[in-house]
Amino acid sequence: MNKIRSGSQRYELLRKSKEAALSAVQTFNNPQILFKSEIFVVISVISWTYLLHAYYKSKKIDFRYKTTEKNRTRYSKTKEGSYKYWELSTCIHHIECPLEAV
């Protein structure tokens, strides 16, 4: 089993995934929140996305949107200049996805 170094990008993705999952459960179990199902689903999607990003990072698969023209790779960016990363559906449909098709 590979050790994960604290401070690595993979470690941070796993930590965020776990924190998001715990937050989703805490929100769902909170009796004062009435909008709990929708919040649970949204935060769970975020958690799964982080988890799959960590998996792809461990497999050295680049999960940023990119285009290749004439042997030059260009990464898609937001208006603010940040890289655009795959959303959950793209992660799930990738050929290396560890989840089984149902």
PDB file of N, CA and C in Angstrom:
ATOM      1  N   MET A   1       0.845  -1.179   0.000  1.00  0.00           N
ATOM      2  CA  MET A   1       0.000   0.000   0.000  1.00  0.00           C
ATOM      3  C   MET A   1       0.889   1.241   0.000  1.00  0.00           C
ATOM      4  N   ASN A   2       0.562   2.214  -0.842  1.00  0.00           N
ATOM      5  CA  ASN A   2       1.347   3.431  -0.934  1.00  0.00           C
ATOM      6  C   ASN A   2       1.070   4.334   0.258  1.00  0.00           C
ATOM      7  N   LYS A   3       2.175   4.853   0.833  1.00  0.00           N
ATOM      8  CA  LYS A   3       2.007   5.835   1.891  1.00  0.00           C
ATOM      9  C   LYS A   3       1.705   7.179   1.276  1.00  0.00           C
ATOM     10  N   ILE A   4       0.858   7.933   1.899  1.00  0.00           N
ATOM     11  CA  ILE A   4       0.500   9.258   1.408  1.00  0.00           C
ATOM     12  C   ILE A   4       1.173  10.280   2.300  1.00  0.00           C
ATOM     13  N   ARG A   5       1.997  11.131   1.687  1.00  0.00           N
ATOM     14  CA  ARG A   5       2.701  12.160   2.441  1.00  0.00           C
ATOM     15  C   ARG A   5       1.749  13.281   2.822  1.00  0.00           C
ATOM     16  N   SER A   6       1.852  13.699   4.067  1.00  0.00           N
ATOM     17  CA  SER A   6       1.069  14.835   4.511  1.00  0.00           C
ATOM     18  C   SER A   6       1.522  16.067   3.740  1.00  0.00           C
ATOM     19  N   GLY A   7       0.572  16.838   3.235  1.00  0.00           N
ATOM     20  CA  GLY A   7       0.902  18.017   2.458  1.00  0.00           C
ATOM     21  C   GLY A   7       0.893  17.767   0.956  1.00  0.00           C
ATOM     22  N   SER A   8       0.810  16.514   0.533  1.00  0.00           N
ATOM     23  CA  SER A   8       0.768  16.224  -0.895  1.00  0.00           C
ATOM     24  C   SER A   8      -0.625  16.555  -1.438  1.00  0.00           C
ATOM     25  N   GLN A   9      -0.715  16.725  -2.736  1.00  0.00           N
ATOM     26  CA  GLN A   9      -2.016  17.054  -3.333  1.00  0.00           C
ATOM     27  C   GLN A   9      -2.989  15.900  -3.137  1.00  0.00           C
ATOM     28  N   ARG A  10      -2.510  14.671  -3.258  1.00  0.00           N
ATOM     29  CA  ARG A  10      -3.379  13.505  -3.067  1.00  0.00           C
ATOM     30  C   ARG A  10      -3.909  13.452  -1.630  1.00  0.00           C
ATOM     31  N   TYR A  11      -3.048  13.731  -0.669  1.00  0.00           N
ATOM     32  CA  TYR A  11      -3.459  13.747   0.731  1.00  0.00           C
ATOM     33  C   TYR A  11      -4.540  14.807   0.955  1.00  0.00           C
ATOM     34  N   GLU A  12      -4.333  15.984   0.386  1.00  0.00           N
ATOM     35  CA  GLU A  12      -5.307  17.059   0.541  1.00  0.00           C
ATOM     36  C   GLU A  12      -6.652  16.696  -0.087  1.00  0.00           C
ATOM     37  N   LEU A  13      -6.624  16.047  -1.253  1.00  0.00           N
ATOM     38  CA  LEU A  13      -7.868  15.625  -1.900  1.00  0.00           C
ATOM     39  C   LEU A  13      -8.606  14.595  -1.045  1.00  0.00           C
ATOM     40  N   LEU A  14      -7.874  13.650  -0.475  1.00  0.00           N
ATOM     41  CA  LEU A  14      -8.506  12.641   0.393  1.00  0.00           C
ATOM     42  C   LEU A  14      -9.073  13.278   1.658  1.00  0.00           C
ATOM     43  N   ARG A  15      -8.327  14.222   2.241  1.00  0.00           N
ATOM     44  CA  ARG A  15      -8.788  14.901   3.447  1.00  0.00           C
ATOM     45  C   ARG A  15     -10.073  15.685   3.158  1.00  0.00           C
ATOM     46  N   LYS A  16     -10.108  16.388   2.030  1.00  0.00           N
ATOM     47  CA  LYS A  16     -11.302  17.144   1.655  1.00  0.00           C
ATOM     48  C   LYS A  16     -12.481  16.222   1.376  1.00  0.00           C
ATOM     49  N   SER A  17     -12.224  15.075   0.752  1.00  0.00           N
ATOM     50  CA  SER A  17     -13.285  14.116   0.474  1.00  0.00           C
ATOM     51  C   SER A  17     -13.920  13.614   1.772  1.00  0.00           C
ATOM     52  N   LYS A  18     -13.065  13.263   2.714  1.00  0.00           N
ATOM     53  CA  LYS A  18     -13.558  12.760   3.997  1.00  0.00           C
ATOM     54  C   LYS A  18     -14.336  13.849   4.745  1.00  0.00           C
ATOM     55  N   GLU A  19     -13.802  15.063   4.741  1.00  0.00           N
ATOM     56  CA  GLU A  19     -14.469  16.165   5.431  1.00  0.00           C
ATOM     57  C   GLU A  19     -15.823  16.481   4.802  1.00  0.00           C
ATOM     58  N   ALA A  20     -15.895  16.444   3.481  1.00  0.00           N
ATOM     59  CA  ALA A  20     -17.165  16.709   2.799  1.00  0.00           C
ATOM     60  C   ALA A  20     -18.182  15.616   3.119  1.00  0.00           C
ATOM     61  N   ALA A  21     -17.746  14.357   3.135  1.00  0.00           N
ATOM     62  CA  ALA A  21     -18.664  13.260   3.447  1.00  0.00           C
ATOM     63  C   ALA A  21     -19.200  13.383   4.871  1.00  0.00           C
ATOM     64  N   LEU A  22     -18.324  13.697   5.809  1.00  0.00           N
ATOM     65  CA  LEU A  22     -18.766  13.872   7.196  1.00  0.00           C
ATOM     66  C   LEU A  22     -19.720  15.059   7.324  1.00  0.00           C
ATOM     67  N   SER A  23     -19.436  16.117   6.603  1.00  0.00           N
ATOM     68  CA  SER A  23     -20.307  17.293   6.623  1.00  0.00           C
ATOM     69  C   SER A  23     -21.688  16.967   6.056  1.00  0.00           C
ATOM     70  N   ALA A  24     -21.717  16.172   4.997  1.00  0.00           N
ATOM     71  CA  ALA A  24     -22.999  15.779   4.405  1.00  0.00           C
ATOM     72  C   ALA A  24     -23.839  14.990   5.409  1.00  0.00           C
ATOM     73  N   VAL A  25     -23.218  14.059   6.111  1.00  0.00           N
ATOM     74  CA  VAL A  25     -23.942  13.242   7.096  1.00  0.00           C
ATOM     75  C   VAL A  25     -24.403  14.098   8.272  1.00  0.00           C
ATOM     76  N   GLN A  26     -23.519  14.991   8.743  1.00  0.00           N
ATOM     77  CA  GLN A  26     -23.903  15.862   9.857  1.00  0.00           C
ATOM     78  C   GLN A  26     -25.078  16.761   9.483  1.00  0.00           C
ATOM     79  N   THR A  27     -25.055  17.292   8.286  1.00  0.00           N
ATOM     80  CA  THR A  27     -26.147  18.149   7.829  1.00  0.00           C
ATOM     81  C   THR A  27     -27.445  17.361   7.746  1.00  0.00           C
ATOM     82  N   PHE A  28     -27.364  16.153   7.207  1.00  0.00           N
ATOM     83  CA  PHE A  28     -28.563  15.327   7.067  1.00  0.00           C
ATOM     84  C   PHE A  28     -29.156  14.957   8.426  1.00  0.00           C
ATOM     85  N   ASN A  29     -28.280  14.759   9.409  1.00  0.00           N
ATOM     86  CA  ASN A  29     -28.750  14.359  10.733  1.00  0.00           C
ATOM     87  C   ASN A  29     -29.147  15.539  11.622  1.00  0.00           C
ATOM     88  N   ASN A  30     -28.996  16.755  11.142  1.00  0.00           N
ATOM     89  CA  ASN A  30     -29.329  17.931  11.934  1.00  0.00           C
ATOM     90  C   ASN A  30     -30.849  18.148  11.893  1.00  0.00           C
ATOM     91  N   PRO A  31     -31.520  18.077  13.049  1.00  0.00           N
ATOM     92  CA  PRO A  31     -32.983  18.207  13.058  1.00  0.00           C
ATOM     93  C   PRO A  31     -33.480  19.626  12.771  1.00  0.00           C
ATOM     94  N   GLN A  32     -32.601  20.625  12.839  1.00  0.00           N
ATOM     95  CA  GLN A  32     -33.027  22.009  12.621  1.00  0.00           C
ATOM     96  C   GLN A  32     -32.995  22.409  11.143  1.00  0.00           C
ATOM     97  N   ILE A  33     -32.407  21.596  10.304  1.00  0.00           N
ATOM     98  CA  ILE A  33     -32.306  21.924   8.879  1.00  0.00           C
ATOM     99  C   ILE A  33     -33.435  21.222   8.132  1.00  0.00           C
ATOM    100  N   LEU A  34     -34.185  21.978   7.353  1.00  0.00           N
ATOM    101  CA  LEU A  34     -35.300  21.415   6.603  1.00  0.00           C
ATOM    102  C   LEU A  34     -34.920  21.068   5.160  1.00  0.00           C
ATOM    103  N   PHE A  35     -33.846  21.625   4.664  1.00  0.00           N
ATOM    104  CA  PHE A  35     -33.411  21.482   3.277  1.00  0.00           C
ATOM    105  C   PHE A  35     -32.322  20.405   3.180  1.00  0.00           C
ATOM    106  N   LYS A  36     -32.395  19.398   4.046  1.00  0.00           N
ATOM    107  CA  LYS A  36     -31.286  18.472   4.250  1.00  0.00           C
ATOM    108  C   LYS A  36     -31.017  17.512   3.097  1.00  0.00           C
ATOM    109  N   SER A  37     -32.017  17.026   2.408  1.00  0.00           N
ATOM    110  CA  SER A  37     -31.789  16.060   1.325  1.00  0.00           C
ATOM    111  C   SER A  37     -30.983  16.670   0.191  1.00  0.00           C
ATOM    112  N   GLU A  38     -31.350  17.882  -0.195  1.00  0.00           N
ATOM    113  CA  GLU A  38     -30.666  18.553  -1.293  1.00  0.00           C
ATOM    114  C   GLU A  38     -29.221  18.887  -0.928  1.00  0.00           C
ATOM    115  N   ILE A  39     -29.015  19.363   0.302  1.00  0.00           N
ATOM    116  CA  ILE A  39     -27.662  19.690   0.761  1.00  0.00           C
ATOM    117  C   ILE A  39     -26.818  18.425   0.832  1.00  0.00           C
ATOM    118  N   PHE A  40     -27.404  17.330   1.329  1.00  0.00           N
ATOM    119  CA  PHE A  40     -26.686  16.054   1.408  1.00  0.00           C
ATOM    120  C   PHE A  40     -26.210  15.604   0.028  1.00  0.00           C
ATOM    121  N   VAL A  41     -27.072  15.689  -0.970  1.00  0.00           N
ATOM    122  CA  VAL A  41     -26.718  15.250  -2.319  1.00  0.00           C
ATOM    123  C   VAL A  41     -25.587  16.107  -2.886  1.00  0.00           C
ATOM    124  N   VAL A  42     -25.700  17.417  -2.760  1.00  0.00           N
ATOM    125  CA  VAL A  42     -24.681  18.312  -3.316  1.00  0.00           C
ATOM    126  C   VAL A  42     -23.323  18.064  -2.664  1.00  0.00           C
ATOM    127  N   ILE A  43     -23.291  17.985  -1.341  1.00  0.00           N
ATOM    128  CA  ILE A  43     -22.014  17.790  -0.646  1.00  0.00           C
ATOM    129  C   ILE A  43     -21.469  16.387  -0.909  1.00  0.00           C
ATOM    130  N   SER A  44     -22.327  15.396  -1.080  1.00  0.00           N
ATOM    131  CA  SER A  44     -21.862  14.045  -1.410  1.00  0.00           C
ATOM    132  C   SER A  44     -21.218  14.004  -2.794  1.00  0.00           C
ATOM    133  N   VAL A  45     -21.781  14.730  -3.733  1.00  0.00           N
ATOM    134  CA  VAL A  45     -21.181  14.807  -5.079  1.00  0.00           C
ATOM    135  C   VAL A  45     -19.791  15.427  -4.985  1.00  0.00           C
ATOM    136  N   ILE A  46     -19.656  16.461  -4.194  1.00  0.00           N
ATOM    137  CA  ILE A  46     -18.346  17.086  -3.994  1.00  0.00           C
ATOM    138  C   ILE A  46     -17.369  16.086  -3.385  1.00  0.00           C
ATOM    139  N   SER A  47     -17.820  15.338  -2.392  1.00  0.00           N
ATOM    140  CA  SER A  47     -16.971  14.347  -1.738  1.00  0.00           C
ATOM    141  C   SER A  47     -16.496  13.272  -2.720  1.00  0.00           C
ATOM    142  N   TRP A  48     -17.405  12.740  -3.518  1.00  0.00           N
ATOM    143  CA  TRP A  48     -17.042  11.714  -4.506  1.00  0.00           C
ATOM    144  C   TRP A  48     -16.092  12.276  -5.561  1.00  0.00           C
ATOM    145  N   THR A  49     -16.290  13.528  -5.938  1.00  0.00           N
ATOM    146  CA  THR A  49     -15.408  14.146  -6.925  1.00  0.00           C
ATOM    147  C   THR A  49     -13.991  14.242  -6.376  1.00  0.00           C
ATOM    148  N   TYR A  50     -13.850  14.707  -5.146  1.00  0.00           N
ATOM    149  CA  TYR A  50     -12.526  14.769  -4.522  1.00  0.00           C
ATOM    150  C   TYR A  50     -11.902  13.378  -4.417  1.00  0.00           C
ATOM    151  N   LEU A  51     -12.710  12.394  -4.055  1.00  0.00           N
ATOM    152  CA  LEU A  51     -12.188  11.034  -3.912  1.00  0.00           C
ATOM    153  C   LEU A  51     -11.667  10.487  -5.233  1.00  0.00           C
ATOM    154  N   LEU A  52     -12.413  10.693  -6.311  1.00  0.00           N
ATOM    155  CA  LEU A  52     -11.963  10.220  -7.621  1.00  0.00           C
ATOM    156  C   LEU A  52     -10.769  11.022  -8.129  1.00  0.00           C
ATOM    157  N   HIS A  53     -10.700  12.305  -7.811  1.00  0.00           N
ATOM    158  CA  HIS A  53      -9.513  13.083  -8.177  1.00  0.00           C
ATOM    159  C   HIS A  53      -8.281  12.526  -7.468  1.00  0.00           C
ATOM    160  N   ALA A  54      -8.419  12.151  -6.211  1.00  0.00           N
ATOM    161  CA  ALA A  54      -7.299  11.555  -5.479  1.00  0.00           C
ATOM    162  C   ALA A  54      -6.883  10.220  -6.110  1.00  0.00           C
ATOM    163  N   TYR A  55      -7.868   9.434  -6.533  1.00  0.00           N
ATOM    164  CA  TYR A  55      -7.567   8.156  -7.183  1.00  0.00           C
ATOM    165  C   TYR A  55      -6.807   8.385  -8.488  1.00  0.00           C
ATOM    166  N   TYR A  56      -7.298   9.311  -9.309  1.00  0.00           N
ATOM    167  CA  TYR A  56      -6.624   9.587 -10.582  1.00  0.00           C
ATOM    168  C   TYR A  56      -5.237  10.169 -10.353  1.00  0.00           C
ATOM    169  N   LYS A  57      -5.072  10.945  -9.298  1.00  0.00           N
ATOM    170  CA  LYS A  57      -3.750  11.479  -8.957  1.00  0.00           C
ATOM    171  C   LYS A  57      -2.802  10.336  -8.635  1.00  0.00           C
ATOM    172  N   SER A  58      -3.288   9.315  -7.922  1.00  0.00           N
ATOM    173  CA  SER A  58      -2.429   8.176  -7.576  1.00  0.00           C
ATOM    174  C   SER A  58      -2.051   7.354  -8.805  1.00  0.00           C
ATOM    175  N   LYS A  59      -2.904   7.379  -9.821  1.00  0.00           N
ATOM    176  CA  LYS A  59      -2.638   6.653 -11.071  1.00  0.00           C
ATOM    177  C   LYS A  59      -1.924   7.530 -12.100  1.00  0.00           C
ATOM    178  N   LYS A  60      -1.566   8.758 -11.681  1.00  0.00           N
ATOM    179  CA  LYS A  60      -0.884   9.722 -12.558  1.00  0.00           C
ATOM    180  C   LYS A  60      -1.698  10.070 -13.809  1.00  0.00           C
ATOM    181  N   ILE A  61      -3.010  10.164 -13.625  1.00  0.00           N
ATOM    182  CA  ILE A  61      -3.916  10.566 -14.694  1.00  0.00           C
ATOM    183  C   ILE A  61      -4.256  12.042 -14.479  1.00  0.00           C
ATOM    184  N   ASP A  62      -4.007  12.858 -15.489  1.00  0.00           N
ATOM    185  CA  ASP A  62      -4.275  14.290 -15.389  1.00  0.00           C
ATOM    186  C   ASP A  62      -5.780  14.521 -15.514  1.00  0.00           C
ATOM    187  N   PHE A  63      -6.394  15.083 -14.485  1.00  0.00           N
ATOM    188  CA  PHE A  63      -7.846  15.279 -14.463  1.00  0.00           C
ATOM    189  C   PHE A  63      -8.225  16.744 -14.676  1.00  0.00           C
ATOM    190  N   ARG A  64      -7.397  17.432 -15.455  1.00  0.00           N
ATOM    191  CA  ARG A  64      -7.716  18.796 -15.875  1.00  0.00           C
ATOM    192  C   ARG A  64      -8.213  18.747 -17.314  1.00  0.00           C
ATOM    193  N   TYR A  65      -9.117  19.685 -17.654  1.00  0.00           N
ATOM    194  CA  TYR A  65      -9.569  19.776 -19.038  1.00  0.00           C
ATOM    195  C   TYR A  65      -8.441  20.342 -19.886  1.00  0.00           C
ATOM    196  N   LYS A  66      -8.213  19.706 -21.036  1.00  0.00           N
ATOM    197  CA  LYS A  66      -7.121  20.158 -21.893  1.00  0.00           C
ATOM    198  C   LYS A  66      -7.426  19.845 -23.349  1.00  0.00           C
ATOM    199  N   THR A  67      -6.721  20.527 -24.235  1.00  0.00           N
ATOM    200  CA  THR A  67      -6.766  20.250 -25.662  1.00  0.00           C
ATOM    201  C   THR A  67      -5.328  20.117 -26.142  1.00  0.00           C
ATOM    202  N   THR A  68      -5.126  19.283 -27.161  1.00  0.00           N
ATOM    203  CA  THR A  68      -3.799  19.098 -27.716  1.00  0.00           C
ATOM    204  C   THR A  68      -3.828  19.435 -29.195  1.00  0.00           C
ATOM    205  N   GLU A  69      -2.976  20.352 -29.584  1.00  0.00           N
ATOM    206  CA  GLU A  69      -2.855  20.754 -30.986  1.00  0.00           C
ATOM    207  C   GLU A  69      -1.378  20.811 -31.344  1.00  0.00           C
ATOM    208  N   LYS A  70      -0.995  20.096 -32.396  1.00  0.00           N
ATOM    209  CA  LYS A  70       0.388  20.120 -32.885  1.00  0.00           C
ATOM    210  C   LYS A  70       1.389  19.848 -31.762  1.00  0.00           C
ATOM    211  N   ASN A  71       1.161  18.784 -31.004  1.00  0.00           N
ATOM    212  CA  ASN A  71       2.032  18.370 -29.899  1.00  0.00           C
ATOM    213  C   ASN A  71       2.139  19.409 -28.784  1.00  0.00           C
ATOM    214  N   ARG A  72       1.182  20.300 -28.698  1.00  0.00           N
ATOM    215  CA  ARG A  72       1.161  21.298 -27.632  1.00  0.00           C
ATOM    216  C   ARG A  72      -0.116  21.123 -26.829  1.00  0.00           C
ATOM    217  N   THR A  73       0.028  21.011 -25.536  1.00  0.00           N
ATOM    218  CA  THR A  73      -1.115  20.834 -24.646  1.00  0.00           C
ATOM    219  C   THR A  73      -1.512  22.182 -24.061  1.00  0.00           C
ATOM    220  N   ARG A  74      -2.796  22.504 -24.173  1.00  0.00           N
ATOM    221  CA  ARG A  74      -3.338  23.726 -23.574  1.00  0.00           C
ATOM    222  C   ARG A  74      -4.407  23.322 -22.558  1.00  0.00           C
ATOM    223  N   TYR A  75      -4.270  23.852 -21.362  1.00  0.00           N
ATOM    224  CA  TYR A  75      -5.225  23.559 -20.301  1.00  0.00           C
ATOM    225  C   TYR A  75      -6.313  24.622 -20.268  1.00  0.00           C
ATOM    226  N   SER A  76      -7.544  24.179 -20.101  1.00  0.00           N
ATOM    227  CA  SER A  76      -8.670  25.113 -19.991  1.00  0.00           C
ATOM    228  C   SER A  76      -8.621  25.781 -18.628  1.00  0.00           C
ATOM    229  N   LYS A  77      -8.957  27.062 -18.607  1.00  0.00           N
ATOM    230  CA  LYS A  77      -8.933  27.816 -17.354  1.00  0.00           C
ATOM    231  C   LYS A  77     -10.223  28.617 -17.204  1.00  0.00           C
ATOM    232  N   THR A  78     -10.506  28.978 -15.972  1.00  0.00           N
ATOM    233  CA  THR A  78     -11.662  29.824 -15.673  1.00  0.00           C
ATOM    234  C   THR A  78     -11.317  31.282 -15.997  1.00  0.00           C
ATOM    235  N   LYS A  79     -12.288  32.166 -15.886  1.00  0.00           N
ATOM    236  CA  LYS A  79     -12.031  33.589 -16.110  1.00  0.00           C
ATOM    237  C   LYS A  79     -10.988  34.130 -15.137  1.00  0.00           C
ATOM    238  N   GLU A  80     -10.937  33.553 -13.951  1.00  0.00           N
ATOM    239  CA  GLU A  80      -9.991  34.005 -12.926  1.00  0.00           C
ATOM    240  C   GLU A  80      -8.596  33.407 -13.110  1.00  0.00           C
ATOM    241  N   GLY A  81      -8.456  32.448 -14.044  1.00  0.00           N
ATOM    242  CA  GLY A  81      -7.141  31.864 -14.325  1.00  0.00           C
ATOM    243  C   GLY A  81      -6.868  30.524 -13.664  1.00  0.00           C
ATOM    244  N   SER A  82      -7.845  29.954 -12.962  1.00  0.00           N
ATOM    245  CA  SER A  82      -7.658  28.642 -12.329  1.00  0.00           C
ATOM    246  C   SER A  82      -7.920  27.537 -13.350  1.00  0.00           C
ATOM    247  N   TYR A  83      -7.259  26.398 -13.151  1.00  0.00           N
ATOM    248  CA  TYR A  83      -7.488  25.256 -14.033  1.00  0.00           C
ATOM    249  C   TYR A  83      -8.915  24.741 -13.856  1.00  0.00           C
ATOM    250  N   LYS A  84      -9.482  24.204 -14.940  1.00  0.00           N
ATOM    251  CA  LYS A  84     -10.792  23.547 -14.872  1.00  0.00           C
ATOM    252  C   LYS A  84     -10.547  22.053 -14.686  1.00  0.00           C
ATOM    253  N   TYR A  85     -11.096  21.505 -13.614  1.00  0.00           N
ATOM    254  CA  TYR A  85     -10.940  20.091 -13.307  1.00  0.00           C
ATOM    255  C   TYR A  85     -12.216  19.342 -13.679  1.00  0.00           C
ATOM    256  N   TRP A  86     -12.076  18.029 -13.877  1.00  0.00           N
ATOM    257  CA  TRP A  86     -13.222  17.209 -14.244  1.00  0.00           C
ATOM    258  C   TRP A  86     -14.281  17.250 -13.157  1.00  0.00           C
ATOM    259  N   GLU A  87     -15.552  17.260 -13.573  1.00  0.00           N
ATOM    260  CA  GLU A  87     -16.644  17.110 -12.629  1.00  0.00           C
ATOM    261  C   GLU A  87     -16.901  15.604 -12.443  1.00  0.00           C
ATOM    262  N   LEU A  88     -17.821  15.273 -11.559  1.00  0.00           N
ATOM    263  CA  LEU A  88     -18.054  13.879 -11.188  1.00  0.00           C
ATOM    264  C   LEU A  88     -18.427  13.003 -12.382  1.00  0.00           C
ATOM    265  N   SER A  89     -19.283  13.483 -13.271  1.00  0.00           N
ATOM    266  CA  SER A  89     -19.711  12.637 -14.396  1.00  0.00           C
ATOM    267  C   SER A  89     -18.549  12.298 -15.319  1.00  0.00           C
ATOM    268  N   THR A  90     -17.644  13.237 -15.536  1.00  0.00           N
ATOM    269  CA  THR A  90     -16.467  12.954 -16.362  1.00  0.00           C
ATOM    270  C   THR A  90     -15.570  11.945 -15.661  1.00  0.00           C
ATOM    271  N   CYS A  91     -15.408  12.070 -14.349  1.00  0.00           N
ATOM    272  CA  CYS A  91     -14.592  11.107 -13.580  1.00  0.00           C
ATOM    273  C   CYS A  91     -15.174   9.701 -13.692  1.00  0.00           C
ATOM    274  N   ILE A  92     -16.489   9.590 -13.583  1.00  0.00           N
ATOM    275  CA  ILE A  92     -17.144   8.287 -13.613  1.00  0.00           C
ATOM    276  C   ILE A  92     -17.046   7.643 -14.996  1.00  0.00           C
ATOM    277  N   HIS A  93     -17.102   8.448 -16.050  1.00  0.00           N
ATOM    278  CA  HIS A  93     -17.081   7.899 -17.407  1.00  0.00           C
ATOM    279  C   HIS A  93     -15.678   7.673 -17.962  1.00  0.00           C
ATOM    280  N   HIS A  94     -14.648   8.016 -17.192  1.00  0.00           N
ATOM    281  CA  HIS A  94     -13.281   7.771 -17.650  1.00  0.00           C
ATOM    282  C   HIS A  94     -13.007   6.270 -17.652  1.00  0.00           C
ATOM    283  N   ILE A  95     -12.200   5.822 -18.600  1.00  0.00           N
ATOM    284  CA  ILE A  95     -11.935   4.379 -18.766  1.00  0.00           C
ATOM    285  C   ILE A  95     -11.253   3.758 -17.544  1.00  0.00           C
ATOM    286  N   GLU A  96     -10.501   4.564 -16.787  1.00  0.00           N
ATOM    287  CA  GLU A  96      -9.782   4.051 -15.625  1.00  0.00           C
ATOM    288  C   GLU A  96     -10.579   4.160 -14.314  1.00  0.00           C
ATOM    289  N   CYS A  97     -11.843   4.536 -14.400  1.00  0.00           N
ATOM    290  CA  CYS A  97     -12.658   4.688 -13.203  1.00  0.00           C
ATOM    291  C   CYS A  97     -12.752   3.351 -12.454  1.00  0.00           C
ATOM    292  N   PRO A  98     -12.496   3.361 -11.131  1.00  0.00           N
ATOM    293  CA  PRO A  98     -12.515   2.110 -10.374  1.00  0.00           C
ATOM    294  C   PRO A  98     -13.914   1.609 -10.027  1.00  0.00           C
ATOM    295  N   LEU A  99     -14.940   2.419 -10.281  1.00  0.00           N
ATOM    296  CA  LEU A  99     -16.301   2.025  -9.945  1.00  0.00           C
ATOM    297  C   LEU A  99     -16.854   1.079 -11.004  1.00  0.00           C
ATOM    298  N   GLU A 100     -17.601   0.099 -10.571  1.00  0.00           N
ATOM    299  CA  GLU A 100     -18.198  -0.861 -11.497  1.00  0.00           C
ATOM    300  C   GLU A 100     -19.441  -0.282 -12.150  1.00  0.00           C
ATOM    301  N   ALA A 101     -19.624  -0.593 -13.411  1.00  0.00           N
ATOM    302  CA  ALA A 101     -20.846  -0.173 -14.090  1.00  0.00           C
ATOM    303  C   ALA A 101     -22.000  -1.044 -13.611  1.00  0.00           C
ATOM    304  N   VAL A 102     -23.153  -0.438 -13.449  1.00  0.00           N
ATOM    305  CA  VAL A 102     -24.325  -1.183 -12.958  1.00  0.00           C
ATOM    306  C   VAL A 102     -25.330  -1.314 -14.079  1.00  0.00           C
TER     307      VAL A 102
END
